[in-house]
Amino acid sequence: MKYADKDIQEMEEFYRTAQLPEKIEIMKGMVITNVPAFVDSHLTIIKLRKGVGIFEPFYDRLVLVKEILSAQ
């Protein structure tokens, strides 16, 4: 498993205080058009499906967006 309860809590805290743009390009040609909805849905999924490998990309995408926002 890639992430644990502590990781989820840290992710929630970051996004609770982060200024989210309405849209963000995470890779060339891959644009999230509603960042607040993206964050909300992805946090919900990683909390509900913790430990299920097929859902780990949801956590990975949250990490990617976090890295992009932190670099700005």
Protein backbone atom coordinates (compact mmCIF):
# COMPACT_ATOMS: atom_id res chain seq x y z
CA MET A 1 0.00 0.00 0.00
CA LYS A 2 1.37 3.39 -0.99
CA TYR A 3 -0.35 5.52 1.62
CA ALA A 4 -1.65 5.28 5.18
CA ASP A 5 -4.00 7.27 7.40
CA LYS A 6 -1.22 9.76 8.21
CA ASP A 7 -0.62 10.39 4.51
CA ILE A 8 -4.32 10.99 3.93
CA GLN A 9 -4.48 13.41 6.86
CA GLU A 10 -1.48 15.34 5.55
CA MET A 11 -3.06 15.49 2.10
CA GLU A 12 -6.36 16.74 3.54
CA GLU A 13 -4.56 19.42 5.56
CA PHE A 14 -2.63 20.62 2.53
CA TYR A 15 -5.73 20.91 0.37
CA ARG A 16 -7.78 22.47 3.18
CA THR A 17 -5.42 25.45 3.25
CA ALA A 18 -4.21 25.55 -0.38
CA GLN A 19 -5.45 28.14 -2.82
CA LEU A 20 -6.86 26.03 -5.62
CA PRO A 21 -7.05 27.33 -9.16
CA GLU A 22 -10.17 26.54 -11.14
CA LYS A 23 -8.13 24.60 -13.70
CA ILE A 24 -4.62 23.17 -13.89
CA GLU A 25 -2.56 21.29 -16.48
CA ILE A 26 -0.88 18.35 -14.76
CA MET A 27 0.83 17.01 -17.89
CA LYS A 28 0.98 18.07 -21.49
CA GLY A 29 -2.56 17.62 -22.76
CA MET A 30 -3.95 16.54 -19.36
CA VAL A 31 -6.00 19.35 -17.81
CA ILE A 32 -8.15 19.25 -14.70
CA THR A 33 -10.95 21.72 -15.40
CA ASN A 34 -12.48 21.82 -11.91
CA VAL A 35 -9.69 21.47 -9.36
CA PRO A 36 -11.87 21.83 -6.21
CA ALA A 37 -14.20 19.03 -7.40
CA PHE A 38 -11.19 16.91 -8.41
CA VAL A 39 -9.63 17.27 -4.94
CA ASP A 40 -12.89 16.54 -3.15
CA SER A 41 -13.66 13.42 -5.19
CA HIS A 42 -10.11 12.07 -5.01
CA LEU A 43 -9.85 12.58 -1.23
CA THR A 44 -13.16 10.79 -0.78
CA ILE A 45 -12.03 7.85 -2.89
CA ILE A 46 -8.67 7.40 -1.16
CA LYS A 47 -10.36 7.46 2.24
CA LEU A 48 -13.02 4.94 1.23
CA ARG A 49 -10.75 2.62 -0.75
CA LYS A 50 -7.54 2.75 1.30
CA GLY A 51 -5.48 -0.35 0.74
CA VAL A 52 -7.09 -1.30 -2.56
CA GLY A 53 -4.30 -1.17 -5.12
CA ILE A 54 -6.44 -0.24 -8.09
CA PHE A 55 -7.32 3.07 -6.40
CA GLU A 56 -3.71 4.16 -5.73
CA PRO A 57 -3.63 6.36 -8.89
CA PHE A 58 -6.14 8.65 -7.15
CA TYR A 59 -3.55 9.28 -4.44
CA ASP A 60 -0.80 9.65 -7.05
CA ARG A 61 -2.78 12.35 -8.89
CA LEU A 62 -3.36 14.26 -5.64
CA VAL A 63 0.39 14.14 -4.98
CA LEU A 64 1.11 15.40 -8.51
CA VAL A 65 -1.28 18.34 -8.15
CA LYS A 66 0.16 19.11 -4.70
CA GLU A 67 3.69 19.21 -6.15
CA ILE A 68 2.59 21.53 -8.95
CA LEU A 69 0.79 23.89 -6.56
CA SER A 70 3.71 23.88 -4.12
CA ALA A 71 6.13 24.80 -6.89
CA GLN A 72 4.11 27.84 -7.95
